[in-house]
Protein backbone atom coordinates (compact mmCIF):
# COMPACT_ATOMS: atom_id res chain seq x y z
CA UNK A 1 73.55 108.67 97.64
CA UNK A 2 76.04 110.35 100.16
CA UNK A 3 79.50 109.47 99.95
CA UNK A 4 79.45 107.68 103.61
CA UNK A 5 79.01 104.26 105.30
CA UNK A 6 76.86 104.32 108.30
CA UNK A 7 77.71 107.99 108.60
CA UNK A 8 81.39 107.38 108.11
CA UNK A 9 82.92 109.23 105.33
CA UNK A 10 84.29 106.91 102.66
CA UNK A 11 87.41 108.77 101.78
CA UNK A 12 88.53 108.54 105.58
CA UNK A 13 87.85 104.77 105.36
CA UNK A 14 89.93 104.72 101.99
CA UNK A 15 92.86 106.60 103.81
CA UNK A 16 92.69 104.24 106.71
CA UNK A 17 92.82 101.13 104.29
CA UNK A 18 95.82 102.68 102.60
CA UNK A 19 97.70 103.27 105.99
CA UNK A 20 96.88 99.56 106.91
CA UNK A 21 97.72 97.95 103.71
CA UNK A 22 101.13 99.91 103.90
CA UNK A 23 101.77 98.35 107.12
CA UNK A 24 101.08 94.88 105.68
CA UNK A 25 103.05 95.85 102.52
CA UNK A 26 107.10 96.09 103.84
CA UNK A 27 107.74 93.04 102.20
CA UNK A 28 106.32 93.84 98.83
CA UNK A 29 107.63 97.12 98.78
CA UNK A 30 111.59 95.53 98.98
CA UNK A 31 111.27 94.59 95.57
CA UNK A 32 111.13 96.76 92.37
CA UNK A 33 107.97 98.75 92.56
CA UNK A 34 106.06 100.91 89.99
CA UNK A 35 103.21 102.24 91.83
CA UNK A 36 101.06 105.04 90.27
CA UNK A 37 97.60 106.46 91.14
CA UNK A 38 96.59 106.70 87.54
CA UNK A 39 93.24 105.12 86.34
CA UNK A 40 93.72 101.90 84.37
CA UNK A 41 91.71 99.09 83.33
CA UNK A 42 92.54 95.22 83.72
CA UNK A 43 94.81 94.01 80.95
CA UNK A 44 96.54 97.31 80.34
CA UNK A 45 100.31 97.25 80.23
CA UNK A 46 102.90 99.21 82.09
CA UNK A 47 106.54 99.38 81.17
CA UNK A 48 109.24 100.27 83.42
CA UNK A 49 113.04 99.55 83.26
CA UNK A 50 115.67 97.95 85.34
CA UNK A 51 119.32 99.06 85.37
CA UNK A 52 121.71 96.54 84.30
CA UNK A 53 125.10 96.27 86.18
CA UNK A 54 127.96 98.69 85.05
CA UNK A 55 132.08 98.21 85.04
CA UNK A 56 133.98 100.88 86.98
CA UNK A 57 136.34 103.00 84.68
CA UNK A 58 139.95 103.46 85.42
CA UNK A 59 139.83 107.22 85.44
CA UNK A 60 143.53 107.75 85.94
CA UNK A 61 143.75 105.99 82.55
CA UNK A 62 140.86 106.97 80.56
CA UNK A 63 140.10 110.01 82.20
CA UNK A 64 136.56 111.23 82.60
CA UNK A 65 134.92 109.69 79.52
CA UNK A 66 131.35 108.83 79.75
CA UNK A 67 130.42 105.18 79.79
CA UNK A 68 127.18 103.61 78.46
CA UNK A 69 124.59 102.80 80.89
CA UNK A 70 122.20 100.12 79.77
CA UNK A 71 118.93 99.04 81.18
CA UNK A 72 116.31 96.56 80.62
CA UNK A 73 112.78 97.16 79.77
CA UNK A 74 110.21 95.15 81.42
CA UNK A 75 106.39 94.98 80.69
CA UNK A 76 104.13 94.32 83.37
CA UNK A 77 100.52 93.44 82.62
CA UNK A 78 97.78 94.81 85.04
CA UNK A 79 95.84 91.72 85.03
CA UNK A 80 95.26 91.22 88.59
CA UNK A 81 92.60 93.13 90.18
CA UNK A 82 91.95 91.59 93.86
CA UNK A 83 90.40 92.68 97.02
CA UNK A 84 87.99 92.00 99.57
CA UNK A 85 84.25 92.57 99.71
CA UNK A 86 82.08 92.48 102.80
CA UNK A 87 78.48 93.06 103.51
CA UNK A 88 76.77 94.66 106.53
CA UNK A 89 73.22 94.26 107.60
CA UNK A 90 70.96 97.66 107.61
CA UNK A 91 72.42 99.67 110.35
CA UNK A 92 75.21 97.38 111.35
CA UNK A 93 77.93 99.98 110.86
CA UNK A 94 76.13 102.73 112.29
CA UNK A 95 75.43 100.87 115.66
CA UNK A 96 78.95 99.11 115.60
CA UNK A 97 80.97 102.49 115.02
CA UNK A 98 84.17 102.84 113.17
CA UNK A 99 86.31 100.44 115.63
CA UNK A 100 84.16 97.55 114.23
CA UNK A 101 84.60 98.49 110.54
CA UNK A 102 88.17 98.40 111.34
CA UNK A 103 88.32 95.00 112.94
CA UNK A 104 85.77 93.49 110.55
CA UNK A 105 86.70 95.11 107.31
CA UNK A 106 89.90 97.24 107.04
CA UNK A 107 92.29 94.79 108.79
CA UNK A 108 91.22 91.58 107.16
CA UNK A 109 91.12 93.43 103.66
CA UNK A 110 94.56 94.72 103.86
CA UNK A 111 95.78 91.36 105.02
CA UNK A 112 94.01 89.21 102.23
CA UNK A 113 95.21 92.06 99.53
CA UNK A 114 98.87 91.79 100.71
CA UNK A 115 98.82 88.06 100.92
CA UNK A 116 97.31 87.89 97.30
CA UNK A 117 100.22 90.03 95.94
CA UNK A 118 102.83 87.97 97.56
CA UNK A 119 101.39 84.66 96.41
CA UNK A 120 101.52 85.98 92.92
CA UNK A 121 104.92 87.16 93.20
CA UNK A 122 106.30 83.67 94.63
CA UNK A 123 104.37 81.83 91.98
CA UNK A 124 107.02 83.09 89.59
CA UNK A 125 109.86 81.22 91.41
CA UNK A 126 110.16 78.32 89.16
CA UNK A 127 113.29 76.78 87.68
CA UNK A 128 112.33 78.07 84.21
CA UNK A 129 112.04 81.88 85.66
CA UNK A 130 115.09 81.82 87.87
CA UNK A 131 117.84 78.92 86.85
CA UNK A 132 121.02 80.87 86.89
CA UNK A 133 122.14 81.06 90.41
CA UNK A 134 124.02 78.21 91.84
CA UNK A 135 123.03 74.99 90.33
CA UNK A 136 119.85 75.08 88.46
CA UNK A 137 118.98 78.36 90.19
CA UNK A 138 119.67 76.76 93.57
CA UNK A 139 121.51 78.64 96.46
CA UNK A 140 121.26 76.20 98.93
CA UNK A 141 120.30 72.44 98.77
CA UNK A 142 121.07 70.51 102.12
CA UNK A 143 119.46 69.00 105.38
CA UNK A 144 117.62 71.23 107.73
CA UNK A 145 119.87 70.25 110.51
CA UNK A 146 122.57 72.15 108.66
CA UNK A 147 120.68 75.24 108.00
CA UNK A 148 122.32 77.82 110.43
CA UNK A 149 124.24 81.08 110.17
CA UNK A 150 127.10 79.36 108.49
CA UNK A 151 124.99 78.21 105.52
CA UNK A 152 123.56 81.52 105.17
CA UNK A 153 127.04 82.78 104.57
CA UNK A 154 127.44 80.17 102.07
CA UNK A 155 124.19 81.10 100.20
CA UNK A 156 125.67 84.82 100.50
CA UNK A 157 128.93 83.76 98.67
CA UNK A 158 126.84 81.77 96.07
CA UNK A 159 124.95 85.08 95.09
CA UNK A 160 128.21 87.24 95.33
CA UNK A 161 129.93 84.76 92.73
CA UNK A 162 126.98 85.29 90.33
CA UNK A 163 127.45 89.17 90.80
CA UNK A 164 124.01 89.57 92.47
CA UNK A 165 124.07 92.94 93.89
CA UNK A 166 124.65 93.04 97.61
CA UNK A 167 122.39 95.82 98.47
CA UNK A 168 119.01 95.30 99.65
CA UNK A 169 119.35 91.31 99.81
CA UNK A 170 116.49 89.39 101.35
CA UNK A 171 116.26 85.77 102.71
CA UNK A 172 112.46 84.65 102.75
CA UNK A 173 111.99 81.18 104.21
CA UNK A 174 109.57 79.14 105.47
CA UNK A 175 108.70 79.41 109.36
CA UNK A 176 110.76 76.11 109.81
CA UNK A 177 114.01 77.45 108.62
CA UNK A 178 113.49 81.04 110.43
CA UNK A 179 113.12 78.98 113.49
CA UNK A 180 115.93 77.02 112.96
CA UNK A 181 118.27 80.33 112.34
CA UNK A 182 116.67 81.88 115.68
CA UNK A 183 117.83 78.74 117.46
CA UNK A 184 121.32 78.93 116.48
CA UNK A 185 123.53 79.91 119.08
CA UNK A 186 125.75 82.13 117.01
CA UNK A 187 122.74 84.49 116.33
CA UNK A 188 121.13 84.15 119.97
CA UNK A 189 124.57 85.42 121.02
CA UNK A 190 123.89 88.62 119.38
CA UNK A 191 122.46 90.01 122.55
CA UNK A 192 126.19 90.58 123.44
CA UNK A 193 126.33 93.12 120.54
CA UNK A 194 123.22 95.22 121.92
CA UNK A 195 120.19 93.29 120.70
CA UNK A 196 118.16 90.86 122.32
CA UNK A 197 115.52 90.66 119.95
CA UNK A 198 115.90 87.14 118.65
CA UNK A 199 115.20 86.08 122.15
CA UNK A 200 112.67 88.54 123.08
CA UNK A 201 110.57 89.23 119.95
CA UNK A 202 111.64 86.33 117.45
CA UNK A 203 113.17 89.12 115.33
CA UNK A 204 116.40 88.03 113.59
CA UNK A 205 119.19 90.59 112.59
CA UNK A 206 120.75 91.03 109.44
CA UNK A 207 122.68 87.58 108.70
CA UNK A 208 125.63 88.01 106.26
CA UNK A 209 124.06 90.76 104.39
CA UNK A 210 120.43 89.40 104.39
CA UNK A 211 117.13 90.91 105.84
CA UNK A 212 115.74 87.87 107.12
CA UNK A 213 111.77 87.18 106.71
CA UNK A 214 109.64 84.38 107.13
CA UNK A 215 106.68 83.71 105.11
CA UNK A 216 104.24 80.59 105.63
CA UNK A 217 102.58 80.66 102.23
CA UNK A 218 105.34 79.93 100.21
CA UNK A 219 104.22 77.63 97.26
CA UNK A 220 104.31 74.00 97.22
CA UNK A 221 106.33 72.79 94.59
CA UNK A 222 106.70 69.17 95.14
CA UNK A 223 105.67 66.29 92.90
CA UNK A 224 102.28 66.45 94.83
CA UNK A 225 100.59 69.89 95.46
CA UNK A 226 98.98 70.23 99.02
CA UNK A 227 95.33 69.17 97.53
CA UNK A 228 97.05 65.60 96.52
CA UNK A 229 97.09 66.60 92.68
CA UNK A 230 100.22 66.18 90.61
CA UNK A 231 102.45 68.92 89.71
CA UNK A 232 103.78 68.25 86.48
CA UNK A 233 106.13 71.11 86.58
CA UNK A 234 108.51 69.27 89.25
CA UNK A 235 109.76 65.86 89.04
CA UNK A 236 110.41 65.32 92.92
CA UNK A 237 109.70 66.47 96.32
CA UNK A 238 113.15 67.92 96.62
CA UNK A 239 111.88 70.65 94.34
CA UNK A 240 109.74 71.99 97.06
CA UNK A 241 110.36 75.69 97.76
CA UNK A 242 111.42 76.50 101.26
CA UNK A 243 112.81 79.84 100.88
CA UNK A 244 114.71 82.02 98.39
CA UNK A 245 117.64 84.44 98.71
CA UNK A 246 116.77 87.24 96.50
CA UNK A 247 117.77 90.84 95.52
CA UNK A 248 115.25 93.74 94.74
CA UNK A 249 115.63 93.40 91.02
CA UNK A 250 114.45 89.80 90.79
CA UNK A 251 110.62 91.02 90.71
CA UNK A 252 108.76 93.95 89.27
CA UNK A 253 105.18 95.16 90.78
CA UNK A 254 103.34 97.62 89.08
CA UNK A 255 100.14 98.91 90.51
CA UNK A 256 97.43 101.53 89.21
CA UNK A 257 94.01 102.60 90.35
CA UNK A 258 91.13 100.53 89.17
CA UNK A 259 88.71 102.17 86.70
CA UNK A 260 85.16 102.55 87.75
CA UNK A 261 82.45 101.15 85.37
CA UNK A 262 80.41 103.91 83.62
CA UNK A 263 77.14 102.55 85.18
CA UNK A 264 78.42 102.23 88.55
CA UNK A 265 75.65 103.48 90.95
CA UNK A 266 77.55 103.35 94.00
CA UNK A 267 80.18 105.66 95.67
CA UNK A 268 83.86 105.40 95.15
CA UNK A 269 86.87 106.80 97.09
CA UNK A 270 90.53 106.43 96.59
CA UNK A 271 93.79 107.16 98.50
CA UNK A 272 97.25 107.29 97.12
CA UNK A 273 100.54 107.18 99.34
CA UNK A 274 102.54 110.17 98.26
CA UNK A 275 105.92 108.37 98.84
CA UNK A 276 105.43 105.06 97.08
CA UNK A 277 102.29 105.83 94.72
CA UNK A 278 100.39 102.85 95.97
CA UNK A 279 96.70 103.60 95.42
CA UNK A 280 93.88 101.60 97.20
CA UNK A 281 90.09 101.96 96.02
CA UNK A 282 87.33 101.53 98.14
CA UNK A 283 83.66 100.99 96.74
CA UNK A 284 80.37 101.18 98.81
CA UNK A 285 76.98 100.38 97.57
CA UNK A 286 73.79 98.90 98.68
CA UNK A 287 72.69 95.37 97.34
CA UNK A 288 68.81 95.33 97.30
CA UNK A 289 68.88 91.63 96.54
CA UNK A 290 70.60 90.59 99.74
CA UNK A 291 69.47 93.67 101.86
CA UNK A 292 73.36 94.30 102.82
CA UNK A 293 75.32 97.64 102.37
CA UNK A 294 78.75 96.36 100.93
CA UNK A 295 81.89 97.63 100.89
CA UNK A 296 85.03 96.61 98.92
CA UNK A 297 88.85 97.38 99.13
CA UNK A 298 91.00 96.64 95.88
CA UNK A 299 93.88 97.34 93.89
CA UNK A 300 94.94 96.55 90.22
CA UNK A 301 98.29 95.23 89.86
CA UNK A 302 100.82 93.10 88.01
CA UNK A 303 103.81 91.07 88.75
CA UNK A 304 106.72 90.16 86.49
CA UNK A 305 110.16 88.60 86.70
CA UNK A 306 112.79 91.27 86.70
CA UNK A 307 116.46 90.14 86.90
CA UNK A 308 116.33 86.27 86.50
CA UNK A 309 120.04 86.00 88.02
CA UNK A 310 119.01 87.89 91.22
CA UNK A 311 117.40 84.93 92.81
CA UNK A 312 118.42 81.52 94.32
CA UNK A 313 115.91 78.97 95.67
CA UNK A 314 116.47 77.24 98.95
CA UNK A 315 115.88 73.44 98.69
CA UNK A 316 115.99 71.10 101.74
CA UNK A 317 116.84 67.29 101.12
CA UNK A 318 115.24 65.94 104.16
């Protein structure tokens, strides 16, 4: 069985899938990552370490004596093997060409995998996991009418007061809150400092030390879930998650290359990003029962809470 799909080399498909996934992964890559191309099976554990805060030494008094540096070990279980599978009729890829494959498989697959990882990350944002910043883990609790650049400044102070590292801070909010900041006159007026991106591209600049991102699929954490069932983890609609103020140490994401079953009869190709270590695996096989040539793109990964004091939840009271 040739290592191709409709005459297109599977390695090329894997590399293009990796490139497309990396473009979808900028938000994931902001957190603490442990990506690798080693082969692993689902359920294996990867260990990584997070550096703890250190205090400066008065060298004028103590001299150049070494200080102890501590780090916290975290174990991440690779318990999530997610991806996208698509079937093509006989000859469909050969007739449609590579651009058809990009539009119907590679781009949707990369988006679905990226969203799956983010959904699993944000599912960790509960009062039990993050309850030390501000009051009960909340960095902002107010009306949406008061959500503006000044409110972000208050969020920044809340994190700083709790010794949350300032480097790499992120503000990830629902589109409603992102739009409220985009409409803030103080932010729109930044065109005077050389950027009109808020008006022309709906791209917000850094605000009080935060890189601002919007994400529409933050988990619904109110008394009722979106499907109408009761969420017993939370007691009121006030617990709905509208955003997070976070530093990279709050989450850890580990990925490895999925192991291939020993009796696998199809073709497999993988591509690894040399810089990050992120590895994408593409499989191709013919399903005689359905009469379709199938292709999948997937990653094996796990997510875990890093430093629980490095995240504050954003709540809206109206």
